Amino acid sequence: MAEPRDSRLTHPERLRVGSAPQRDIAYRRRAGSGPGVVWLGGFRSDMLATKAEALDAWARDAGRAYLRFDYSGHGESGGRFEDGTISIWLEDALAAIGAASDGPQILVGSSMGGWLALLAARRFAAEGRPPAGLVLIAPATDFTQALMWPELGPEGQRAIETTGVYLRPSEYSPEPVPITRALIEDGRRHLLLGGAIRTHAPVHILQGMRDPDVPWRHAMVLTEHLAEDPVVVTLIKDGDHRLSRPQDLERLVAAVAGIA
């Protein structure tokens, strides 16, 4: 696999999304053959992260179309992170995919991006244009309710209910992460694990078994709900949440290339 290049040396294209408020979304796209590949990053991540860069290097060498973008409040996009919700970030994703890609796409979602990929796939399937496939890395399906809300504990839950925000310490940043009541309440509108999930496309899940943020059993629950779709699950016994080691990147590229 080719070494990722440094995309910080290039400037992204920009797209205006939404109306209340209107948001400035940054994206990068690579022309090539299809089906195209779309990167949907995780909570507080961006399109210059290791996995997104590795896929860009693969797309360049393979001549494949590739799109990546930053949700509002993330990376190079405008807006404040604390104003974001699942509805807003899904709207960002659908707008970027609609404006910058053609035909069925392979949706590659990491963590929160896995949840958004499933929601986008459901929307596309309802419109009669299902995705070409999905590759989900530690998919954090329903994470605001199933994972984050219990983890906040009584103190965090009480802060959100009384003040509207809780500043949660982060292992990935020196600054605390604002968790808002709007994020939690809006997330409940998009829960998927209460019934069958259909993507109408092949799905490959990559999951580390030493993931402290999205337990591997959560991926198994998702697999059970994808009962009518063809699903492959790769459990990586020593894998963490990021899955960004060289061997993890090799697995990611192989999973994407294996769909189409």
C-alpha atoms as a PDB file:
ATOM      1  CA  MET A   1       0.000   0.000   0.000  1.00  0.00           C
ATOM      2  CA  ALA A   2       1.315   3.453  -0.875  1.00  0.00           C
ATOM      3  CA  GLU A   3       2.283   5.834   1.888  1.00  0.00           C
ATOM      4  CA  PRO A   4      -0.348   8.505   2.605  1.00  0.00           C
ATOM      5  CA  ARG A   5       0.527  11.997   1.402  1.00  0.00           C
ATOM      6  CA  ASP A   6       0.101  15.178   3.433  1.00  0.00           C
ATOM      7  CA  SER A   7      -3.140  16.808   2.281  1.00  0.00           C
ATOM      8  CA  ARG A   8      -2.480  19.787   4.544  1.00  0.00           C
ATOM      9  CA  LEU A   9      -0.518  21.167   1.590  1.00  0.00           C
ATOM     10  CA  THR A  10      -3.692  21.430  -0.510  1.00  0.00           C
ATOM     11  CA  HIS A  11      -6.779  23.589  -0.135  1.00  0.00           C
ATOM     12  CA  PRO A  12     -10.258  22.063   0.162  1.00  0.00           C
ATOM     13  CA  GLU A  13     -13.291  22.956  -1.882  1.00  0.00           C
ATOM     14  CA  ARG A  14     -16.219  24.447  -0.016  1.00  0.00           C
ATOM     15  CA  LEU A  15     -19.975  23.958   0.048  1.00  0.00           C
ATOM     16  CA  ARG A  16     -22.763  25.930   1.718  1.00  0.00           C
ATOM     17  CA  VAL A  17     -25.226  23.688   3.548  1.00  0.00           C
ATOM     18  CA  GLY A  18     -28.443  24.272   5.470  1.00  0.00           C
ATOM     19  CA  SER A  19     -30.404  27.361   6.332  1.00  0.00           C
ATOM     20  CA  ALA A  20     -30.669  27.600  10.131  1.00  0.00           C
ATOM     21  CA  PRO A  21     -27.831  28.153  10.394  1.00  0.00           C
ATOM     22  CA  GLN A  22     -26.143  27.962   7.004  1.00  0.00           C
ATOM     23  CA  ARG A  23     -22.843  26.113   7.278  1.00  0.00           C
ATOM     24  CA  ASP A  24     -19.591  26.191   5.331  1.00  0.00           C
ATOM     25  CA  ILE A  25     -18.470  22.591   4.658  1.00  0.00           C
ATOM     26  CA  ALA A  26     -14.937  21.807   3.485  1.00  0.00           C
ATOM     27  CA  TYR A  27     -14.324  18.769   1.274  1.00  0.00           C
ATOM     28  CA  ARG A  28     -11.690  17.173  -0.920  1.00  0.00           C
ATOM     29  CA  ARG A  29     -12.471  14.960  -3.880  1.00  0.00           C
ATOM     30  CA  ARG A  30     -10.388  12.876  -6.216  1.00  0.00           C
ATOM     31  CA  ALA A  31     -11.610  12.070  -9.706  1.00  0.00           C
ATOM     32  CA  GLY A  32     -11.512   8.446 -10.787  1.00  0.00           C
ATOM     33  CA  SER A  33     -13.487   5.377 -11.687  1.00  0.00           C
ATOM     34  CA  GLY A  34     -16.426   4.118  -9.706  1.00  0.00           C
ATOM     35  CA  PRO A  35     -18.021   3.144  -7.562  1.00  0.00           C
ATOM     36  CA  GLY A  36     -16.679   6.095  -5.652  1.00  0.00           C
ATOM     37  CA  VAL A  37     -15.534   5.897  -2.047  1.00  0.00           C
ATOM     38  CA  VAL A  38     -16.814   8.343   0.587  1.00  0.00           C
ATOM     39  CA  TRP A  39     -15.092   8.850   3.929  1.00  0.00           C
ATOM     40  CA  LEU A  40     -17.303   9.702   6.930  1.00  0.00           C
ATOM     41  CA  GLY A  41     -15.135  10.553   9.904  1.00  0.00           C
ATOM     42  CA  GLY A  42     -15.755  10.152  13.590  1.00  0.00           C
ATOM     43  CA  PHE A  43     -16.826  12.368  16.466  1.00  0.00           C
ATOM     44  CA  ARG A  44     -14.283  15.228  16.742  1.00  0.00           C
ATOM     45  CA  SER A  45     -12.173  13.760  13.918  1.00  0.00           C
ATOM     46  CA  ASP A  46     -11.457  15.272  10.504  1.00  0.00           C
ATOM     47  CA  MET A  47     -10.660  14.401   6.896  1.00  0.00           C
ATOM     48  CA  LEU A  48      -6.903  14.733   7.380  1.00  0.00           C
ATOM     49  CA  ALA A  49      -6.765  11.879   9.887  1.00  0.00           C
ATOM     50  CA  THR A  50      -4.616   8.822   9.249  1.00  0.00           C
ATOM     51  CA  LYS A  51      -7.286   6.492   7.886  1.00  0.00           C
ATOM     52  CA  ALA A  52      -8.740   9.139   5.563  1.00  0.00           C
ATOM     53  CA  GLU A  53      -5.258   9.889   4.227  1.00  0.00           C
ATOM     54  CA  ALA A  54      -4.504   6.203   3.719  1.00  0.00           C
ATOM     55  CA  LEU A  55      -7.655   5.792   1.635  1.00  0.00           C
ATOM     56  CA  ASP A  56      -6.714   8.854  -0.406  1.00  0.00           C
ATOM     57  CA  ALA A  57      -3.331   7.316  -1.213  1.00  0.00           C
ATOM     58  CA  TRP A  58      -5.022   4.067  -2.237  1.00  0.00           C
ATOM     59  CA  ALA A  59      -7.587   5.893  -4.406  1.00  0.00           C
ATOM     60  CA  ARG A  60      -4.817   7.851  -6.115  1.00  0.00           C
ATOM     61  CA  ASP A  61      -2.863   4.696  -6.968  1.00  0.00           C
ATOM     62  CA  ALA A  62      -5.954   2.681  -7.922  1.00  0.00           C
ATOM     63  CA  GLY A  63      -7.543   5.428 -10.019  1.00  0.00           C
ATOM     64  CA  ARG A  64     -10.679   5.434  -7.875  1.00  0.00           C
ATOM     65  CA  ALA A  65     -13.025   8.329  -7.163  1.00  0.00           C
ATOM     66  CA  TYR A  66     -12.799   9.439  -3.538  1.00  0.00           C
ATOM     67  CA  LEU A  67     -14.602  12.037  -1.437  1.00  0.00           C
ATOM     68  CA  ARG A  68     -13.936  13.163   2.117  1.00  0.00           C
ATOM     69  CA  PHE A  69     -15.280  16.125   4.048  1.00  0.00           C
ATOM     70  CA  ASP A  70     -15.475  17.681   7.495  1.00  0.00           C
ATOM     71  CA  TYR A  71     -18.768  17.991   9.326  1.00  0.00           C
ATOM     72  CA  SER A  72     -19.620  21.476  10.557  1.00  0.00           C
ATOM     73  CA  GLY A  73     -17.621  22.310  13.653  1.00  0.00           C
ATOM     74  CA  HIS A  74     -14.929  19.815  12.622  1.00  0.00           C
ATOM     75  CA  GLY A  75     -11.584  20.261  10.909  1.00  0.00           C
ATOM     76  CA  GLU A  76     -11.593  22.840   8.117  1.00  0.00           C
ATOM     77  CA  SER A  77     -15.362  23.361   8.025  1.00  0.00           C
ATOM     78  CA  GLY A  78     -17.072  26.345   9.577  1.00  0.00           C
ATOM     79  CA  GLY A  79     -19.356  26.427  12.578  1.00  0.00           C
ATOM     80  CA  ARG A  80     -19.008  25.532  16.231  1.00  0.00           C
ATOM     81  CA  PHE A  81     -18.702  21.940  17.341  1.00  0.00           C
ATOM     82  CA  GLU A  82     -21.101  22.474  20.242  1.00  0.00           C
ATOM     83  CA  ASP A  83     -23.845  23.527  17.798  1.00  0.00           C
ATOM     84  CA  GLY A  84     -23.696  20.157  16.047  1.00  0.00           C
ATOM     85  CA  THR A  85     -26.184  17.307  16.299  1.00  0.00           C
ATOM     86  CA  ILE A  86     -26.655  13.999  14.494  1.00  0.00           C
ATOM     87  CA  SER A  87     -29.315  15.642  12.292  1.00  0.00           C
ATOM     88  CA  ILE A  88     -26.963  18.469  11.325  1.00  0.00           C
ATOM     89  CA  TRP A  89     -23.987  16.223  10.644  1.00  0.00           C
ATOM     90  CA  LEU A  90     -26.151  13.837   8.619  1.00  0.00           C
ATOM     91  CA  GLU A  91     -27.370  16.798   6.568  1.00  0.00           C
ATOM     92  CA  ASP A  92     -23.736  17.818   6.022  1.00  0.00           C
ATOM     93  CA  ALA A  93     -22.881  14.312   4.838  1.00  0.00           C
ATOM     94  CA  LEU A  94     -25.833  13.997   2.470  1.00  0.00           C
ATOM     95  CA  ALA A  95     -25.148  17.427   0.988  1.00  0.00           C
ATOM     96  CA  ALA A  96     -21.455  16.712   0.413  1.00  0.00           C
ATOM     97  CA  ILE A  97     -22.179  13.326  -1.176  1.00  0.00           C
ATOM     98  CA  GLY A  98     -24.899  14.804  -3.363  1.00  0.00           C
ATOM     99  CA  ALA A  99     -22.785  17.716  -4.551  1.00  0.00           C
ATOM    100  CA  ALA A 100     -19.435  16.029  -5.055  1.00  0.00           C
ATOM    101  CA  SER A 101     -20.101  12.450  -6.210  1.00  0.00           C
ATOM    102  CA  ASP A 102     -22.110  10.545  -8.825  1.00  0.00           C
ATOM    103  CA  GLY A 103     -23.730   7.122  -8.763  1.00  0.00           C
ATOM    104  CA  PRO A 104     -23.691   4.509  -5.990  1.00  0.00           C
ATOM    105  CA  GLN A 105     -20.909   5.046  -3.460  1.00  0.00           C
ATOM    106  CA  ILE A 106     -19.021   2.878  -0.992  1.00  0.00           C
ATOM    107  CA  LEU A 107     -19.627   4.572   2.354  1.00  0.00           C
ATOM    108  CA  VAL A 108     -16.697   4.185   4.744  1.00  0.00           C
ATOM    109  CA  GLY A 109     -17.662   5.296   8.240  1.00  0.00           C
ATOM    110  CA  SER A 110     -15.453   5.433  11.312  1.00  0.00           C
ATOM    111  CA  SER A 111     -17.024   5.420  14.794  1.00  0.00           C
ATOM    112  CA  MET A 112     -19.766   8.080  14.652  1.00  0.00           C
ATOM    113  CA  GLY A 113     -19.255   8.036  10.889  1.00  0.00           C
ATOM    114  CA  GLY A 114     -20.418   4.422  10.926  1.00  0.00           C
ATOM    115  CA  TRP A 115     -23.758   5.482  12.401  1.00  0.00           C
ATOM    116  CA  LEU A 116     -24.047   8.311   9.871  1.00  0.00           C
ATOM    117  CA  ALA A 117     -23.161   5.921   7.040  1.00  0.00           C
ATOM    118  CA  LEU A 118     -26.017   3.628   8.082  1.00  0.00           C
ATOM    119  CA  LEU A 119     -28.429   6.568   8.260  1.00  0.00           C
ATOM    120  CA  ALA A 120     -27.286   7.808   4.843  1.00  0.00           C
ATOM    121  CA  ALA A 121     -27.609   4.301   3.387  1.00  0.00           C
ATOM    122  CA  ARG A 122     -31.182   4.107   4.667  1.00  0.00           C
ATOM    123  CA  ARG A 123     -31.971   7.441   3.024  1.00  0.00           C
ATOM    124  CA  PHE A 124     -30.390   6.418  -0.291  1.00  0.00           C
ATOM    125  CA  ALA A 125     -32.186   3.059  -0.296  1.00  0.00           C
ATOM    126  CA  ALA A 126     -35.528   4.766   0.338  1.00  0.00           C
ATOM    127  CA  GLU A 127     -34.846   6.927  -2.707  1.00  0.00           C
ATOM    128  CA  GLY A 128     -34.178   3.849  -4.840  1.00  0.00           C
ATOM    129  CA  ARG A 129     -30.425   4.339  -5.053  1.00  0.00           C
ATOM    130  CA  PRO A 130     -28.773   2.143  -2.430  1.00  0.00           C
ATOM    131  CA  PRO A 131     -25.029   2.452  -1.811  1.00  0.00           C
ATOM    132  CA  ALA A 132     -22.546   0.121  -3.465  1.00  0.00           C
ATOM    133  CA  GLY A 133     -21.427  -1.050  -0.028  1.00  0.00           C
ATOM    134  CA  LEU A 134     -20.422  -0.015   3.463  1.00  0.00           C
ATOM    135  CA  VAL A 135     -17.184  -0.414   5.396  1.00  0.00           C
ATOM    136  CA  LEU A 136     -17.713   0.427   9.069  1.00  0.00           C
ATOM    137  CA  ILE A 137     -14.793   0.886  11.464  1.00  0.00           C
ATOM    138  CA  ALA A 138     -15.788   0.503  15.121  1.00  0.00           C
ATOM    139  CA  PRO A 139     -19.299   1.657  14.199  1.00  0.00           C
ATOM    140  CA  ALA A 140     -20.734   3.727  17.036  1.00  0.00           C
ATOM    141  CA  THR A 141     -24.371   3.117  16.141  1.00  0.00           C
ATOM    142  CA  ASP A 142     -26.763   4.980  18.484  1.00  0.00           C
ATOM    143  CA  PHE A 143     -23.724   6.074  20.512  1.00  0.00           C
ATOM    144  CA  THR A 144     -25.314   9.153  22.084  1.00  0.00           C
ATOM    145  CA  GLN A 145     -27.886   6.959  23.829  1.00  0.00           C
ATOM    146  CA  ALA A 146     -26.342   3.480  23.994  1.00  0.00           C
ATOM    147  CA  LEU A 147     -22.746   4.438  24.849  1.00  0.00           C
ATOM    148  CA  MET A 148     -22.326   8.105  25.764  1.00  0.00           C
ATOM    149  CA  TRP A 149     -25.355   8.696  28.007  1.00  0.00           C
ATOM    150  CA  PRO A 150     -24.596   5.819  30.431  1.00  0.00           C
ATOM    151  CA  GLU A 151     -20.883   6.683  30.429  1.00  0.00           C
ATOM    152  CA  LEU A 152     -21.591  10.268  31.503  1.00  0.00           C
ATOM    153  CA  GLY A 153     -22.898   9.016  34.841  1.00  0.00           C
ATOM    154  CA  PRO A 154     -25.132  10.927  37.257  1.00  0.00           C
ATOM    155  CA  GLU A 155     -22.894  14.026  37.311  1.00  0.00           C
ATOM    156  CA  GLY A 156     -22.762  14.455  33.537  1.00  0.00           C
ATOM    157  CA  GLN A 157     -26.422  13.607  33.047  1.00  0.00           C
ATOM    158  CA  ARG A 158     -27.437  16.093  35.727  1.00  0.00           C
ATOM    159  CA  ALA A 159     -25.293  18.849  34.162  1.00  0.00           C
ATOM    160  CA  ILE A 160     -26.858  18.275  30.758  1.00  0.00           C
ATOM    161  CA  GLU A 161     -30.383  18.252  32.134  1.00  0.00           C
ATOM    162  CA  THR A 162     -29.911  21.385  34.269  1.00  0.00           C
ATOM    163  CA  THR A 163     -27.453  23.556  32.302  1.00  0.00           C
ATOM    164  CA  GLY A 164     -27.695  22.079  28.809  1.00  0.00           C
ATOM    165  CA  VAL A 165     -24.033  21.077  28.510  1.00  0.00           C
ATOM    166  CA  TYR A 166     -21.412  18.902  30.181  1.00  0.00           C
ATOM    167  CA  LEU A 167     -17.688  19.401  29.595  1.00  0.00           C
ATOM    168  CA  ARG A 168     -16.441  15.835  29.373  1.00  0.00           C
ATOM    169  CA  PRO A 169     -12.699  15.170  29.822  1.00  0.00           C
ATOM    170  CA  SER A 170     -11.128  13.607  26.716  1.00  0.00           C
ATOM    171  CA  GLU A 171      -8.332  11.075  26.319  1.00  0.00           C
ATOM    172  CA  TYR A 172      -7.686  12.439  22.826  1.00  0.00           C
ATOM    173  CA  SER A 173      -7.464  16.176  23.575  1.00  0.00           C
ATOM    174  CA  PRO A 174      -6.268  18.416  26.435  1.00  0.00           C
ATOM    175  CA  GLU A 175      -9.528  20.347  26.136  1.00  0.00           C
ATOM    176  CA  PRO A 176     -12.794  18.906  27.458  1.00  0.00           C
ATOM    177  CA  VAL A 177     -15.487  18.004  24.945  1.00  0.00           C
ATOM    178  CA  PRO A 178     -18.813  19.867  25.244  1.00  0.00           C
ATOM    179  CA  ILE A 179     -21.664  17.346  25.284  1.00  0.00           C
ATOM    180  CA  THR A 180     -24.927  19.221  24.800  1.00  0.00           C
ATOM    181  CA  ARG A 181     -28.518  18.411  25.609  1.00  0.00           C
ATOM    182  CA  ALA A 182     -29.319  19.076  21.931  1.00  0.00           C
ATOM    183  CA  LEU A 183     -26.853  16.366  20.852  1.00  0.00           C
ATOM    184  CA  ILE A 184     -28.324  13.788  23.236  1.00  0.00           C
ATOM    185  CA  GLU A 185     -31.962  14.603  22.525  1.00  0.00           C
ATOM    186  CA  ASP A 186     -31.504  14.807  18.768  1.00  0.00           C
ATOM    187  CA  GLY A 187     -29.613  11.508  18.771  1.00  0.00           C
ATOM    188  CA  ARG A 188     -32.746   9.804  20.096  1.00  0.00           C
ATOM    189  CA  ARG A 189     -34.504  10.710  16.828  1.00  0.00           C
ATOM    190  CA  HIS A 190     -32.050   8.583  14.841  1.00  0.00           C
ATOM    191  CA  LEU A 191     -31.750   5.384  16.878  1.00  0.00           C
ATOM    192  CA  LEU A 192     -31.387   2.266  14.715  1.00  0.00           C
ATOM    193  CA  LEU A 193     -30.896  -0.631  17.102  1.00  0.00           C
ATOM    194  CA  GLY A 194     -34.549  -0.964  18.059  1.00  0.00           C
ATOM    195  CA  GLY A 195     -35.420  -2.874  14.902  1.00  0.00           C
ATOM    196  CA  ALA A 196     -34.137  -4.327  11.631  1.00  0.00           C
ATOM    197  CA  ILE A 197     -31.613  -2.249   9.680  1.00  0.00           C
ATOM    198  CA  ARG A 198     -31.456  -2.517   5.887  1.00  0.00           C
ATOM    199  CA  THR A 199     -28.687  -1.009   3.765  1.00  0.00           C
ATOM    200  CA  HIS A 200     -29.484  -3.093   0.649  1.00  0.00           C
ATOM    201  CA  ALA A 201     -25.722  -3.414   0.183  1.00  0.00           C
ATOM    202  CA  PRO A 202     -22.806  -5.549   1.393  1.00  0.00           C
ATOM    203  CA  VAL A 203     -21.359  -4.469   4.746  1.00  0.00           C
ATOM    204  CA  HIS A 204     -17.876  -5.107   6.164  1.00  0.00           C
ATOM    205  CA  ILE A 205     -17.280  -4.224   9.826  1.00  0.00           C
ATOM    206  CA  LEU A 206     -13.763  -3.790  11.235  1.00  0.00           C
ATOM    207  CA  GLN A 207     -13.740  -3.875  15.035  1.00  0.00           C
ATOM    208  CA  GLY A 208     -10.947  -3.878  17.592  1.00  0.00           C
ATOM    209  CA  MET A 209     -11.491  -6.104  20.613  1.00  0.00           C
ATOM    210  CA  ARG A 210      -9.522  -3.718  22.854  1.00  0.00           C
ATOM    211  CA  ASP A 211     -11.642  -0.730  21.902  1.00  0.00           C
ATOM    212  CA  PRO A 212     -12.487   1.209  25.094  1.00  0.00           C
ATOM    213  CA  ASP A 213     -14.955   3.524  23.332  1.00  0.00           C
ATOM    214  CA  VAL A 214     -17.038   1.154  21.200  1.00  0.00           C
ATOM    215  CA  PRO A 215     -16.980  -2.336  22.759  1.00  0.00           C
ATOM    216  CA  TRP A 216     -16.703  -5.159  20.229  1.00  0.00           C
ATOM    217  CA  ARG A 217     -19.987  -6.607  21.486  1.00  0.00           C
ATOM    218  CA  HIS A 218     -21.680  -3.415  20.256  1.00  0.00           C
ATOM    219  CA  ALA A 219     -20.595  -4.375  16.732  1.00  0.00           C
ATOM    220  CA  MET A 220     -22.126  -7.800  17.258  1.00  0.00           C
ATOM    221  CA  VAL A 221     -25.450  -6.216  18.233  1.00  0.00           C
ATOM    222  CA  LEU A 222     -25.338  -4.173  15.031  1.00  0.00           C
ATOM    223  CA  THR A 223     -24.610  -7.311  13.009  1.00  0.00           C
ATOM    224  CA  GLU A 224     -27.705  -8.997  14.454  1.00  0.00           C
ATOM    225  CA  HIS A 225     -29.816  -6.045  13.315  1.00  0.00           C
ATOM    226  CA  LEU A 226     -28.370  -6.255   9.786  1.00  0.00           C
ATOM    227  CA  ALA A 227     -29.932  -9.688   9.382  1.00  0.00           C
ATOM    228  CA  GLU A 228     -31.043  -9.227   5.769  1.00  0.00           C
ATOM    229  CA  ASP A 229     -27.829  -7.697   4.425  1.00  0.00           C
ATOM    230  CA  PRO A 230     -24.622  -9.626   3.635  1.00  0.00           C
ATOM    231  CA  VAL A 231     -22.238  -8.780   6.481  1.00  0.00           C
ATOM    232  CA  VAL A 232     -18.598  -9.649   7.116  1.00  0.00           C
ATOM    233  CA  VAL A 233     -17.156  -8.868  10.564  1.00  0.00           C
ATOM    234  CA  THR A 234     -13.397  -8.718  11.121  1.00  0.00           C
ATOM    235  CA  LEU A 235     -12.517  -8.764  14.826  1.00  0.00           C
ATOM    236  CA  ILE A 236      -8.988  -7.554  15.535  1.00  0.00           C
ATOM    237  CA  LYS A 237      -7.977  -9.110  18.828  1.00  0.00           C
ATOM    238  CA  ASP A 238      -5.359  -6.485  19.755  1.00  0.00           C
ATOM    239  CA  GLY A 239      -7.080  -3.590  17.965  1.00  0.00           C
ATOM    240  CA  ASP A 240      -8.004  -0.332  19.704  1.00  0.00           C
ATOM    241  CA  HIS A 241     -10.596   2.272  18.741  1.00  0.00           C
ATOM    242  CA  ARG A 242      -8.490   4.152  16.234  1.00  0.00           C
ATOM    243  CA  LEU A 243      -7.365   1.132  14.169  1.00  0.00           C
ATOM    244  CA  SER A 244      -4.695   3.307  12.562  1.00  0.00           C
ATOM    245  CA  ARG A 245      -1.633   1.049  12.787  1.00  0.00           C
ATOM    246  CA  PRO A 246      -0.062  -0.006   9.463  1.00  0.00           C
ATOM    247  CA  GLN A 247      -1.665  -3.439   9.678  1.00  0.00           C
ATOM    248  CA  ASP A 248      -5.048  -1.851  10.435  1.00  0.00           C
ATOM    249  CA  LEU A 249      -4.750   0.438   7.409  1.00  0.00           C
ATOM    250  CA  GLU A 250      -3.959  -2.597   5.260  1.00  0.00           C
ATOM    251  CA  ARG A 251      -7.157  -4.262   6.488  1.00  0.00           C
ATOM    252  CA  LEU A 252      -9.157  -1.096   5.791  1.00  0.00           C
ATOM    253  CA  VAL A 253      -7.910  -0.750   2.215  1.00  0.00           C
ATOM    254  CA  ALA A 254      -8.494  -4.459   1.581  1.00  0.00           C
ATOM    255  CA  ALA A 255     -12.050  -4.218   2.890  1.00  0.00           C
ATOM    256  CA  VAL A 256     -12.858  -1.244   0.639  1.00  0.00           C
ATOM    257  CA  ALA A 257     -11.180  -2.800  -2.412  1.00  0.00           C
ATOM    258  CA  GLY A 258     -12.996  -6.071  -1.734  1.00  0.00           C
ATOM    259  CA  ILE A 259     -16.465  -4.531  -2.120  1.00  0.00           C
ATOM    260  CA  ALA A 260     -16.002  -3.323  -5.692  1.00  0.00           C
END
